[in-house]
C-alpha atoms as a PDB file:
ATOM      1  CA  UNK A   1       4.939  -6.631  -0.343  1.00  0.00           C
ATOM      2  CA  UNK A   2       2.728  -4.023  -1.454  1.00  0.00           C
ATOM      3  CA  UNK A   3      -0.087  -4.959  -3.977  1.00  0.00           C
ATOM      4  CA  UNK A   4      -1.775  -2.010  -6.060  1.00  0.00           C
ATOM      5  CA  UNK A   5      -5.300  -2.930  -6.398  1.00  0.00           C
ATOM      6  CA  UNK A   6      -6.494  -3.262 -10.180  1.00  0.00           C
ATOM      7  CA  UNK A   7      -9.897  -1.253  -9.604  1.00  0.00           C
ATOM      8  CA  UNK A   8      -8.679   2.120  -8.558  1.00  0.00           C
ATOM      9  CA  UNK A   9      -4.607   1.613  -8.089  1.00  0.00           C
ATOM     10  CA  UNK A  10      -4.727   2.138  -4.452  1.00  0.00           C
ATOM     11  CA  UNK A  11      -2.016   0.617  -2.567  1.00  0.00           C
ATOM     12  CA  UNK A  12      -2.288  -2.391   0.273  1.00  0.00           C
ATOM     13  CA  UNK A  13      -0.497  -4.782   1.764  1.00  0.00           C
ATOM     14  CA  UNK A  14      -0.407  -8.387   0.216  1.00  0.00           C
ATOM     15  CA  UNK A  15      -2.842  -9.390   3.652  1.00  0.00           C
ATOM     16  CA  UNK A  16      -5.485  -6.624   3.002  1.00  0.00           C
ATOM     17  CA  UNK A  17      -8.941  -7.803   2.389  1.00  0.00           C
ATOM     18  CA  UNK A  18     -10.018  -4.600   1.036  1.00  0.00           C
ATOM     19  CA  UNK A  19      -9.424  -5.200  -2.536  1.00  0.00           C
ATOM     20  CA  UNK A  20     -10.414  -8.168  -4.439  1.00  0.00           C
ATOM     21  CA  UNK A  21      -7.454  -8.022  -7.454  1.00  0.00           C
ATOM     22  CA  UNK A  22      -4.084  -6.639  -7.586  1.00  0.00           C
ATOM     23  CA  UNK A  23      -0.854  -6.657  -8.956  1.00  0.00           C
ATOM     24  CA  UNK A  24       2.504  -7.176  -6.293  1.00  0.00           C
ATOM     25  CA  UNK A  25       4.942  -4.049  -6.698  1.00  0.00           C
ATOM     26  CA  UNK A  26       8.401  -3.898  -5.589  1.00  0.00           C
ATOM     27  CA  UNK A  27       8.554  -0.131  -4.523  1.00  0.00           C
ATOM     28  CA  UNK A  28       6.029   2.394  -3.557  1.00  0.00           C
ATOM     29  CA  UNK A  29       4.568   4.308  -6.247  1.00  0.00           C
ATOM     30  CA  UNK A  30       6.537   7.927  -6.431  1.00  0.00           C
ATOM     31  CA  UNK A  31       3.318   9.952  -5.345  1.00  0.00           C
ATOM     32  CA  UNK A  32       3.781   8.350  -1.985  1.00  0.00           C
ATOM     33  CA  UNK A  33       6.103  10.320  -0.233  1.00  0.00           C
ATOM     34  CA  UNK A  34       4.667   9.846   3.666  1.00  0.00           C
ATOM     35  CA  UNK A  35       2.628   7.153   5.184  1.00  0.00           C
ATOM     36  CA  UNK A  36      -0.431   9.551   5.563  1.00  0.00           C
ATOM     37  CA  UNK A  37      -0.565   9.022   1.641  1.00  0.00           C
ATOM     38  CA  UNK A  38      -1.452   5.431   2.014  1.00  0.00           C
ATOM     39  CA  UNK A  39      -5.170   5.603   2.795  1.00  0.00           C
ATOM     40  CA  UNK A  40      -5.947   2.214   3.653  1.00  0.00           C
ATOM     41  CA  UNK A  41      -6.200   0.940   7.586  1.00  0.00           C
ATOM     42  CA  UNK A  42      -3.817  -2.285   6.431  1.00  0.00           C
ATOM     43  CA  UNK A  43      -1.057   0.189   6.843  1.00  0.00           C
ATOM     44  CA  UNK A  44      -1.787   1.668  10.610  1.00  0.00           C
ATOM     45  CA  UNK A  45       0.919  -0.369  12.338  1.00  0.00           C
ATOM     46  CA  UNK A  46       3.572   1.671  10.325  1.00  0.00           C
ATOM     47  CA  UNK A  47       4.970   4.769  12.001  1.00  0.00           C
ATOM     48  CA  UNK A  48       6.813   6.050   8.563  1.00  0.00           C
ATOM     49  CA  UNK A  49       7.706   4.901   5.070  1.00  0.00           C
ATOM     50  CA  UNK A  50      11.086   3.809   6.165  1.00  0.00           C
ATOM     51  CA  UNK A  51       9.538   0.758   8.432  1.00  0.00           C
ATOM     52  CA  UNK A  52       7.520  -0.321   5.378  1.00  0.00           C
ATOM     53  CA  UNK A  53      10.899  -1.358   2.964  1.00  0.00           C
END
């Protein structure tokens, strides 16, 4: 499940250690249109957004 970090609103995976506090979200934000929009390395095992859902 994606988590939105409370400090900069970046999106991470639940098991990512690059954010301190966050809120679980059920869907990625509309601004995320490709896997490249997710800046954190915690998403590197995915090749496309379709693999996340």
